[in-house]
Amino acid sequence: MGFLCDRHARGLATARNPGSVSIPVWIHVINQGSGATNGDAPP
C-alpha cells in the first residue's frame, strides 16, 4: 500500500492547501568584487 493510500485509509490528510507550505531558501553568491561582471547577482 502506498503512502497516500495508507494516510487516506487512516483518515489522515492527503493534500495541502495551496500556499500552506513555506520552504526556506538561501542563496550564496561568490564573486570577485562588486558589479554583475564580477559575479554579483541582481537583487
PDB file of N, CA and C in Angstrom:
ATOM      1  N   MET A   1       0.849  -1.169   0.000  1.00  0.00           N
ATOM      2  CA  MET A   1       0.000   0.000   0.000  1.00  0.00           C
ATOM      3  C   MET A   1       0.896   1.235   0.000  1.00  0.00           C
ATOM      4  N   GLY A   2       0.547   2.238  -0.796  1.00  0.00           N
ATOM      5  CA  GLY A   2       1.354   3.447  -0.893  1.00  0.00           C
ATOM      6  C   GLY A   2       1.125   4.402   0.266  1.00  0.00           C
ATOM      7  N   PHE A   3       1.992   5.368   0.357  1.00  0.00           N
ATOM      8  CA  PHE A   3       1.957   6.349   1.436  1.00  0.00           C
ATOM      9  C   PHE A   3       0.610   7.077   1.498  1.00  0.00           C
ATOM     10  N   LEU A   4       0.140   7.612   0.361  1.00  0.00           N
ATOM     11  CA  LEU A   4      -1.118   8.353   0.357  1.00  0.00           C
ATOM     12  C   LEU A   4      -2.312   7.451   0.628  1.00  0.00           C
ATOM     13  N   CYS A   5      -2.306   6.250   0.080  1.00  0.00           N
ATOM     14  CA  CYS A   5      -3.400   5.293   0.341  1.00  0.00           C
ATOM     15  C   CYS A   5      -3.467   4.956   1.825  1.00  0.00           C
ATOM     16  N   ASP A   6      -2.321   4.770   2.440  1.00  0.00           N
ATOM     17  CA  ASP A   6      -2.263   4.447   3.869  1.00  0.00           C
ATOM     18  C   ASP A   6      -2.812   5.605   4.698  1.00  0.00           C
ATOM     19  N   ARG A   7      -2.424   6.828   4.375  1.00  0.00           N
ATOM     20  CA  ARG A   7      -2.927   8.000   5.118  1.00  0.00           C
ATOM     21  C   ARG A   7      -4.432   8.140   4.946  1.00  0.00           C
ATOM     22  N   HIS A   8      -4.907   7.949   3.724  1.00  0.00           N
ATOM     23  CA  HIS A   8      -6.345   8.052   3.463  1.00  0.00           C
ATOM     24  C   HIS A   8      -7.111   6.985   4.248  1.00  0.00           C
ATOM     25  N   ALA A   9      -6.598   5.773   4.287  1.00  0.00           N
ATOM     26  CA  ALA A   9      -7.251   4.672   4.997  1.00  0.00           C
ATOM     27  C   ALA A   9      -7.338   4.958   6.496  1.00  0.00           C
ATOM     28  N   ARG A  10      -6.350   5.701   7.032  1.00  0.00           N
ATOM     29  CA  ARG A  10      -6.358   6.031   8.464  1.00  0.00           C
ATOM     30  C   ARG A  10      -7.097   7.337   8.744  1.00  0.00           C
ATOM     31  N   GLY A  11      -7.693   7.950   7.702  1.00  0.00           N
ATOM     32  CA  GLY A  11      -8.455   9.184   7.886  1.00  0.00           C
ATOM     33  C   GLY A  11      -7.592  10.419   8.045  1.00  0.00           C
ATOM     34  N   LEU A  12      -6.349  10.349   7.578  1.00  0.00           N
ATOM     35  CA  LEU A  12      -5.442  11.487   7.684  1.00  0.00           C
ATOM     36  C   LEU A  12      -5.431  12.277   6.379  1.00  0.00           C
ATOM     37  N   ALA A  13      -5.027  13.526   6.457  1.00  0.00           N
ATOM     38  CA  ALA A  13      -4.998  14.388   5.268  1.00  0.00           C
ATOM     39  C   ALA A  13      -4.012  13.853   4.237  1.00  0.00           C
ATOM     40  N   THR A  14      -4.397  13.958   2.970  1.00  0.00           N
ATOM     41  CA  THR A  14      -3.519  13.501   1.880  1.00  0.00           C
ATOM     42  C   THR A  14      -3.077  14.646   0.992  1.00  0.00           C
ATOM     43  N   ALA A  15      -3.601  15.854   1.196  1.00  0.00           N
ATOM     44  CA  ALA A  15      -3.225  17.003   0.374  1.00  0.00           C
ATOM     45  C   ALA A  15      -3.134  18.244   1.250  1.00  0.00           C
ATOM     46  N   ARG A  16      -2.457  19.257   0.765  1.00  0.00           N
ATOM     47  CA  ARG A  16      -2.324  20.521   1.484  1.00  0.00           C
ATOM     48  C   ARG A  16      -2.961  21.623   0.647  1.00  0.00           C
ATOM     49  N   ASN A  17      -3.409  22.659   1.330  1.00  0.00           N
ATOM     50  CA  ASN A  17      -3.957  23.804   0.630  1.00  0.00           C
ATOM     51  C   ASN A  17      -2.837  24.555  -0.090  1.00  0.00           C
ATOM     52  N   PRO A  18      -3.115  25.112  -1.277  1.00  0.00           N
ATOM     53  CA  PRO A  18      -2.091  25.889  -1.980  1.00  0.00           C
ATOM     54  C   PRO A  18      -1.584  27.034  -1.104  1.00  0.00           C
ATOM     55  N   GLY A  19      -0.275  27.200  -1.059  1.00  0.00           N
ATOM     56  CA  GLY A  19       0.329  28.260  -0.268  1.00  0.00           C
ATOM     57  C   GLY A  19       0.468  27.951   1.201  1.00  0.00           C
ATOM     58  N   SER A  20       0.157  26.722   1.625  1.00  0.00           N
ATOM     59  CA  SER A  20       0.209  26.394   3.045  1.00  0.00           C
ATOM     60  C   SER A  20       1.572  25.883   3.494  1.00  0.00           C
ATOM     61  N   VAL A  21       2.493  25.737   2.570  1.00  0.00           N
ATOM     62  CA  VAL A  21       3.820  25.233   2.907  1.00  0.00           C
ATOM     63  C   VAL A  21       4.858  26.269   2.499  1.00  0.00           C
ATOM     64  N   SER A  22       5.763  26.596   3.407  1.00  0.00           N
ATOM     65  CA  SER A  22       6.868  27.506   3.094  1.00  0.00           C
ATOM     66  C   SER A  22       8.170  26.731   3.192  1.00  0.00           C
ATOM     67  N   ILE A  23       8.996  26.890   2.192  1.00  0.00           N
ATOM     68  CA  ILE A  23      10.301  26.227   2.173  1.00  0.00           C
ATOM     69  C   ILE A  23      11.363  27.316   2.168  1.00  0.00           C
ATOM     70  N   PRO A  24      12.116  27.461   3.277  1.00  0.00           N
ATOM     71  CA  PRO A  24      13.155  28.491   3.309  1.00  0.00           C
ATOM     72  C   PRO A  24      14.279  28.161   2.321  1.00  0.00           C
ATOM     73  N   VAL A  25      14.741  29.182   1.626  1.00  0.00           N
ATOM     74  CA  VAL A  25      15.795  29.007   0.626  1.00  0.00           C
ATOM     75  C   VAL A  25      16.882  30.039   0.873  1.00  0.00           C
ATOM     76  N   TRP A  26      18.125  29.623   0.864  1.00  0.00           N
ATOM     77  CA  TRP A  26      19.260  30.525   0.993  1.00  0.00           C
ATOM     78  C   TRP A  26      20.108  30.393  -0.255  1.00  0.00           C
ATOM     79  N   ILE A  27      20.616  31.531  -0.711  1.00  0.00           N
ATOM     80  CA  ILE A  27      21.481  31.545  -1.888  1.00  0.00           C
ATOM     81  C   ILE A  27      22.792  32.214  -1.488  1.00  0.00           C
ATOM     82  N   HIS A  28      23.886  31.573  -1.790  1.00  0.00           N
ATOM     83  CA  HIS A  28      25.208  32.132  -1.518  1.00  0.00           C
ATOM     84  C   HIS A  28      25.848  32.504  -2.849  1.00  0.00           C
ATOM     85  N   VAL A  29      26.285  33.750  -2.946  1.00  0.00           N
ATOM     86  CA  VAL A  29      26.911  34.233  -4.168  1.00  0.00           C
ATOM     87  C   VAL A  29      28.388  34.452  -3.900  1.00  0.00           C
ATOM     88  N   ILE A  30      29.214  33.832  -4.708  1.00  0.00           N
ATOM     89  CA  ILE A  30      30.661  34.023  -4.617  1.00  0.00           C
ATOM     90  C   ILE A  30      31.051  34.919  -5.779  1.00  0.00           C
ATOM     91  N   ASN A  31      31.718  36.034  -5.452  1.00  0.00           N
ATOM     92  CA  ASN A  31      32.086  36.965  -6.514  1.00  0.00           C
ATOM     93  C   ASN A  31      33.510  37.448  -6.331  1.00  0.00           C
ATOM     94  N   GLN A  32      33.971  38.218  -7.318  1.00  0.00           N
ATOM     95  CA  GLN A  32      35.328  38.749  -7.292  1.00  0.00           C
ATOM     96  C   GLN A  32      35.339  40.233  -6.943  1.00  0.00           C
ATOM     97  N   GLY A  33      34.208  40.813  -6.704  1.00  0.00           N
ATOM     98  CA  GLY A  33      34.094  42.238  -6.401  1.00  0.00           C
ATOM     99  C   GLY A  33      32.657  42.656  -6.634  1.00  0.00           C
ATOM    100  N   SER A  34      32.415  43.948  -6.696  1.00  0.00           N
ATOM    101  CA  SER A  34      31.053  44.413  -6.905  1.00  0.00           C
ATOM    102  C   SER A  34      30.745  44.545  -8.387  1.00  0.00           C
ATOM    103  N   GLY A  35      29.483  44.384  -8.734  1.00  0.00           N
ATOM    104  CA  GLY A  35      29.043  44.516 -10.120  1.00  0.00           C
ATOM    105  C   GLY A  35      28.777  43.167 -10.769  1.00  0.00           C
ATOM    106  N   ALA A  36      27.892  43.188 -11.751  1.00  0.00           N
ATOM    107  CA  ALA A  36      27.484  41.941 -12.432  1.00  0.00           C
ATOM    108  C   ALA A  36      28.656  41.288 -13.158  1.00  0.00           C
ATOM    109  N   THR A  37      29.592  42.063 -13.648  1.00  0.00           N
ATOM    110  CA  THR A  37      30.725  41.467 -14.375  1.00  0.00           C
ATOM    111  C   THR A  37      31.660  40.695 -13.443  1.00  0.00           C
ATOM    112  N   ASN A  38      31.568  40.954 -12.132  1.00  0.00           N
ATOM    113  CA  ASN A  38      32.405  40.257 -11.162  1.00  0.00           C
ATOM    114  C   ASN A  38      31.661  39.148 -10.432  1.00  0.00           C
ATOM    115  N   GLY A  39      30.413  38.863 -10.864  1.00  0.00           N
ATOM    116  CA  GLY A  39      29.689  37.747 -10.270  1.00  0.00           C
ATOM    117  C   GLY A  39      28.550  38.122  -9.361  1.00  0.00           C
ATOM    118  N   ASP A  40      28.296  39.428  -9.123  1.00  0.00           N
ATOM    119  CA  ASP A  40      27.152  39.824  -8.291  1.00  0.00           C
ATOM    120  C   ASP A  40      25.847  39.405  -8.945  1.00  0.00           C
ATOM    121  N   ALA A  41      24.927  38.924  -8.144  1.00  0.00           N
ATOM    122  CA  ALA A  41      23.587  38.586  -8.619  1.00  0.00           C
ATOM    123  C   ALA A  41      22.703  39.815  -8.447  1.00  0.00           C
ATOM    124  N   PRO A  42      21.829  40.071  -9.410  1.00  0.00           N
ATOM    125  CA  PRO A  42      20.913  41.213  -9.265  1.00  0.00           C
ATOM    126  C   PRO A  42      19.936  40.974  -8.119  1.00  0.00           C
ATOM    127  N   PRO A  43      19.462  42.050  -7.467  1.00  0.00           N
ATOM    128  CA  PRO A  43      18.530  41.872  -6.342  1.00  0.00           C
ATOM    129  C   PRO A  43      17.200  41.327  -6.776  1.00  0.00           C
TER     130      PRO A  43
END
